[in-house]
Structure formats: structure tokens, C-alpha cells
Amino acid sequence: MPQLKTYIVEDSPVIRESLIATLEELVPVAVIGTAEDELSAVQWLTRPSNHVDLVIVDIFLKAGSGLGVLRAAHGLLPPRKLVVLSNYATKDMRRKCLDLGADRVFDKSNEIDALIDYCGELANGHSGNTASGALA
């Protein structure tokens, strides 16, 4: 099974390292880069030589916002899946993220299992178009 090349935008080192360890242990994910602020993430993602299958973005970052990352990453070629993982996954924020191009939005506090399932679906060649993480 091919590994899902993943880029994580998360400003908390503890959460970032825990997320990387969890994903790489449970699903065929290879985290090939990380950023903790909007500018670094956008610069990395818009560099033509950097190809990833999945970008996982937090809303609140050290500088800038995950919304700016979504704005910049949406529509880049080749296409990649954009996922938001945030403690601030309110209905309004979910809608805003989906409007900015996020494929899914997951709440850090209670939807980690759904994120893992979603990553597993993507790694298995499925589109990831299940209800988990979608706008309720």
C-alpha cells in the first residue's frame, strides 16, 4: 500500500509530534514536512518541487492563520486533499474552511479517530468522500 505523503501545519510541538506518531503508526502516512506559521507553510506548499497528497492544517498558528494556508493551497496543482484539524471546529468555522477549499474539518478534541479513518481511506485509494468530517 502506498504511503500518503503528508504535510502538517500545527504550531504546538506536542500536538504536532503526537499527531505524526499516531498517523505514522496507524495508517500508511509519511509526514514529509511541517510548519508552525502561515508564511512558512504557504512558501513550502507553493514551491513546485514539493508534492504532497494531504495537508493537515490547524486554524490558529504562531503567526498568520490556517485560513490563509487553505486560501493559498486551494487549487494548487497537482491537487492535494486539504484537511483542517482544530479545537475551534464550530459549525461556522467548518463552513468557512469548506468554503476556502478544505475537503474535511475535524475537531482535535473528539474527531481524531475520524481523521485516522479518513487518512486510511485516502491511502487505500478511496476519495475520502464519507460523512466523517463533513459539514453536519
C-alpha atoms as a PDB file:
ATOM      1  CA  MET A   1       0.000   0.000   0.000  1.00  0.00           C
ATOM      2  CA  PRO A   2       1.496   3.361  -0.973  1.00  0.00           C
ATOM      3  CA  GLN A   3       2.235   5.904   1.705  1.00  0.00           C
ATOM      4  CA  LEU A   4       0.213   9.091   1.832  1.00  0.00           C
ATOM      5  CA  LYS A   5       2.715  11.962   1.611  1.00  0.00           C
ATOM      6  CA  THR A   6       1.521  14.449   4.222  1.00  0.00           C
ATOM      7  CA  TYR A   7       2.376  17.999   5.287  1.00  0.00           C
ATOM      8  CA  ILE A   8       1.267  19.227   8.732  1.00  0.00           C
ATOM      9  CA  VAL A   9       0.699  22.862   9.699  1.00  0.00           C
ATOM     10  CA  GLU A  10       0.464  22.936  13.507  1.00  0.00           C
ATOM     11  CA  ASP A  11       2.106  25.375  15.938  1.00  0.00           C
ATOM     12  CA  SER A  12       2.109  23.192  19.059  1.00  0.00           C
ATOM     13  CA  PRO A  13       5.190  20.934  19.080  1.00  0.00           C
ATOM     14  CA  VAL A  14       3.481  18.492  21.474  1.00  0.00           C
ATOM     15  CA  ILE A  15       0.374  18.145  19.310  1.00  0.00           C
ATOM     16  CA  ARG A  16       2.421  18.046  16.094  1.00  0.00           C
ATOM     17  CA  GLU A  17       4.723  15.254  17.312  1.00  0.00           C
ATOM     18  CA  SER A  18       1.822  13.281  18.788  1.00  0.00           C
ATOM     19  CA  LEU A  19      -0.154  13.596  15.549  1.00  0.00           C
ATOM     20  CA  ILE A  20       2.817  12.487  13.453  1.00  0.00           C
ATOM     21  CA  ALA A  21       3.457   9.468  15.693  1.00  0.00           C
ATOM     22  CA  THR A  22      -0.219   8.469  15.718  1.00  0.00           C
ATOM     23  CA  LEU A  23      -0.739   8.801  11.975  1.00  0.00           C
ATOM     24  CA  GLU A  24       2.510   7.068  11.007  1.00  0.00           C
ATOM     25  CA  GLU A  25       1.760   4.193  13.390  1.00  0.00           C
ATOM     26  CA  LEU A  26      -1.869   3.611  12.422  1.00  0.00           C
ATOM     27  CA  VAL A  27      -2.087   4.429   8.705  1.00  0.00           C
ATOM     28  CA  PRO A  28       0.368   4.414   5.783  1.00  0.00           C
ATOM     29  CA  VAL A  29       1.273   8.084   6.171  1.00  0.00           C
ATOM     30  CA  ALA A  30       4.707   9.626   5.662  1.00  0.00           C
ATOM     31  CA  VAL A  31       4.943  13.131   7.092  1.00  0.00           C
ATOM     32  CA  ILE A  32       7.413  14.844   4.780  1.00  0.00           C
ATOM     33  CA  GLY A  33       7.244  18.338   6.238  1.00  0.00           C
ATOM     34  CA  THR A  34       5.771  20.609   8.885  1.00  0.00           C
ATOM     35  CA  ALA A  35       5.262  24.304   9.556  1.00  0.00           C
ATOM     36  CA  GLU A  36       4.091  26.267  12.572  1.00  0.00           C
ATOM     37  CA  ASP A  37       3.086  29.508  10.847  1.00  0.00           C
ATOM     38  CA  GLU A  38       1.179  30.577   7.739  1.00  0.00           C
ATOM     39  CA  LEU A  39       4.096  32.101   5.813  1.00  0.00           C
ATOM     40  CA  SER A  40       6.351  29.022   6.142  1.00  0.00           C
ATOM     41  CA  ALA A  41       3.503  26.713   5.153  1.00  0.00           C
ATOM     42  CA  VAL A  42       2.500  28.778   2.117  1.00  0.00           C
ATOM     43  CA  GLN A  43       6.110  29.114   0.954  1.00  0.00           C
ATOM     44  CA  TRP A  44       6.641  25.341   1.219  1.00  0.00           C
ATOM     45  CA  LEU A  45       3.314  24.371  -0.362  1.00  0.00           C
ATOM     46  CA  THR A  46       3.671  26.724  -3.320  1.00  0.00           C
ATOM     47  CA  ARG A  47       7.172  25.513  -4.211  1.00  0.00           C
ATOM     48  CA  PRO A  48       6.703  23.406  -7.384  1.00  0.00           C
ATOM     49  CA  SER A  49       9.123  20.707  -6.243  1.00  0.00           C
ATOM     50  CA  ASN A  50       7.117  19.938  -3.086  1.00  0.00           C
ATOM     51  CA  HIS A  51       4.412  17.370  -3.833  1.00  0.00           C
ATOM     52  CA  VAL A  52       2.105  16.019  -1.131  1.00  0.00           C
ATOM     53  CA  ASP A  53      -1.134  14.053  -1.121  1.00  0.00           C
ATOM     54  CA  LEU A  54      -2.559  15.545   2.067  1.00  0.00           C
ATOM     55  CA  VAL A  55      -2.190  18.793   4.020  1.00  0.00           C
ATOM     56  CA  ILE A  56      -3.436  18.890   7.625  1.00  0.00           C
ATOM     57  CA  VAL A  57      -3.896  22.449   8.901  1.00  0.00           C
ATOM     58  CA  ASP A  58      -4.710  23.959  12.309  1.00  0.00           C
ATOM     59  CA  ILE A  59      -6.659  27.242  12.319  1.00  0.00           C
ATOM     60  CA  PHE A  60      -4.634  29.095  14.955  1.00  0.00           C
ATOM     61  CA  LEU A  61      -0.901  29.268  14.228  1.00  0.00           C
ATOM     62  CA  LYS A  62       2.155  31.028  15.686  1.00  0.00           C
ATOM     63  CA  ALA A  63       1.771  33.707  13.037  1.00  0.00           C
ATOM     64  CA  GLY A  64      -0.956  34.038  10.457  1.00  0.00           C
ATOM     65  CA  SER A  65      -3.835  31.598  10.221  1.00  0.00           C
ATOM     66  CA  GLY A  66      -4.723  28.220   8.828  1.00  0.00           C
ATOM     67  CA  LEU A  67      -7.386  30.015   6.799  1.00  0.00           C
ATOM     68  CA  GLY A  68      -4.606  31.775   4.873  1.00  0.00           C
ATOM     69  CA  VAL A  69      -2.934  28.410   4.288  1.00  0.00           C
ATOM     70  CA  LEU A  70      -6.198  26.993   2.913  1.00  0.00           C
ATOM     71  CA  ARG A  71      -6.642  30.041   0.675  1.00  0.00           C
ATOM     72  CA  ALA A  72      -3.122  29.636  -0.755  1.00  0.00           C
ATOM     73  CA  ALA A  73      -3.208  25.827  -1.081  1.00  0.00           C
ATOM     74  CA  HIS A  74      -6.661  25.522  -2.635  1.00  0.00           C
ATOM     75  CA  GLY A  75      -6.369  24.978  -6.353  1.00  0.00           C
ATOM     76  CA  LEU A  76      -2.636  24.268  -6.406  1.00  0.00           C
ATOM     77  CA  LEU A  77      -1.523  21.674  -8.907  1.00  0.00           C
ATOM     78  CA  PRO A  78      -1.160  18.831  -8.582  1.00  0.00           C
ATOM     79  CA  PRO A  79      -4.295  18.703  -6.408  1.00  0.00           C
ATOM     80  CA  ARG A  80      -4.000  17.533  -2.835  1.00  0.00           C
ATOM     81  CA  LYS A  81      -6.503  16.884  -0.053  1.00  0.00           C
ATOM     82  CA  LEU A  82      -6.823  19.733   2.463  1.00  0.00           C
ATOM     83  CA  VAL A  83      -7.922  18.873   5.989  1.00  0.00           C
ATOM     84  CA  VAL A  84      -8.434  21.160   8.972  1.00  0.00           C
ATOM     85  CA  LEU A  85      -7.748  19.784  12.450  1.00  0.00           C
ATOM     86  CA  SER A  86      -8.666  22.345  15.079  1.00  0.00           C
ATOM     87  CA  ASN A  87     -10.039  22.852  18.567  1.00  0.00           C
ATOM     88  CA  TYR A  88     -12.197  25.560  17.008  1.00  0.00           C
ATOM     89  CA  ALA A  89     -14.330  23.383  14.711  1.00  0.00           C
ATOM     90  CA  THR A  90     -17.613  25.217  15.248  1.00  0.00           C
ATOM     91  CA  LYS A  91     -20.334  24.950  12.612  1.00  0.00           C
ATOM     92  CA  ASP A  92     -19.481  28.442  11.280  1.00  0.00           C
ATOM     93  CA  MET A  93     -15.741  27.695  11.196  1.00  0.00           C
ATOM     94  CA  ARG A  94     -16.357  24.363   9.453  1.00  0.00           C
ATOM     95  CA  ARG A  95     -18.397  26.166   6.785  1.00  0.00           C
ATOM     96  CA  LYS A  96     -15.718  28.840   6.349  1.00  0.00           C
ATOM     97  CA  CYS A  97     -12.979  26.190   5.975  1.00  0.00           C
ATOM     98  CA  LEU A  98     -15.007  24.185   3.461  1.00  0.00           C
ATOM     99  CA  ASP A  99     -15.720  27.401   1.515  1.00  0.00           C
ATOM    100  CA  LEU A 100     -11.951  28.047   1.392  1.00  0.00           C
ATOM    101  CA  GLY A 101     -11.295  24.632  -0.118  1.00  0.00           C
ATOM    102  CA  ALA A 102     -10.923  22.257   2.830  1.00  0.00           C
ATOM    103  CA  ASP A 103     -12.077  18.749   1.979  1.00  0.00           C
ATOM    104  CA  ARG A 104     -12.809  17.923   5.628  1.00  0.00           C
ATOM    105  CA  VAL A 105     -12.755  19.576   9.049  1.00  0.00           C
ATOM    106  CA  PHE A 106     -12.030  17.575  12.205  1.00  0.00           C
ATOM    107  CA  ASP A 107     -12.206  18.621  15.857  1.00  0.00           C
ATOM    108  CA  LYS A 108      -8.991  17.842  17.774  1.00  0.00           C
ATOM    109  CA  SER A 109     -10.906  17.043  20.944  1.00  0.00           C
ATOM    110  CA  ASN A 110     -13.194  14.310  19.631  1.00  0.00           C
ATOM    111  CA  GLU A 111     -12.609  13.520  15.944  1.00  0.00           C
ATOM    112  CA  ILE A 112      -9.055  12.136  15.833  1.00  0.00           C
ATOM    113  CA  ASP A 113     -10.407   8.642  15.083  1.00  0.00           C
ATOM    114  CA  ALA A 114     -12.399  10.075  12.161  1.00  0.00           C
ATOM    115  CA  LEU A 115      -9.220  11.766  10.858  1.00  0.00           C
ATOM    116  CA  ILE A 116      -7.333   8.466  11.103  1.00  0.00           C
ATOM    117  CA  ASP A 117     -10.153   6.685   9.242  1.00  0.00           C
ATOM    118  CA  TYR A 118     -10.142   9.405   6.576  1.00  0.00           C
ATOM    119  CA  CYS A 119      -6.363   9.098   6.097  1.00  0.00           C
ATOM    120  CA  GLY A 120      -6.743   5.321   5.824  1.00  0.00           C
ATOM    121  CA  GLU A 121      -9.387   5.731   3.108  1.00  0.00           C
ATOM    122  CA  LEU A 122      -7.145   8.096   1.156  1.00  0.00           C
ATOM    123  CA  ALA A 123      -4.154   5.775   1.486  1.00  0.00           C
ATOM    124  CA  ASN A 124      -6.291   2.902   0.190  1.00  0.00           C
ATOM    125  CA  GLY A 125      -7.086   4.873  -2.943  1.00  0.00           C
ATOM    126  CA  HIS A 126     -10.562   5.984  -1.939  1.00  0.00           C
ATOM    127  CA  SER A 127     -11.636   9.577  -2.411  1.00  0.00           C
ATOM    128  CA  GLY A 128     -12.323  10.088   1.295  1.00  0.00           C
ATOM    129  CA  ASN A 129     -15.816  11.331   0.485  1.00  0.00           C
ATOM    130  CA  THR A 130     -17.501   9.860   3.540  1.00  0.00           C
ATOM    131  CA  ALA A 131     -19.638  11.729   6.021  1.00  0.00           C
ATOM    132  CA  SER A 132     -16.970  11.916   8.743  1.00  0.00           C
ATOM    133  CA  GLY A 133     -15.577  15.407   8.979  1.00  0.00           C
ATOM    134  CA  ALA A 134     -18.157  16.828   6.617  1.00  0.00           C
ATOM    135  CA  LEU A 135     -20.390  19.741   7.448  1.00  0.00           C
ATOM    136  CA  ALA A 136     -23.222  18.471   9.619  1.00  0.00           C
END
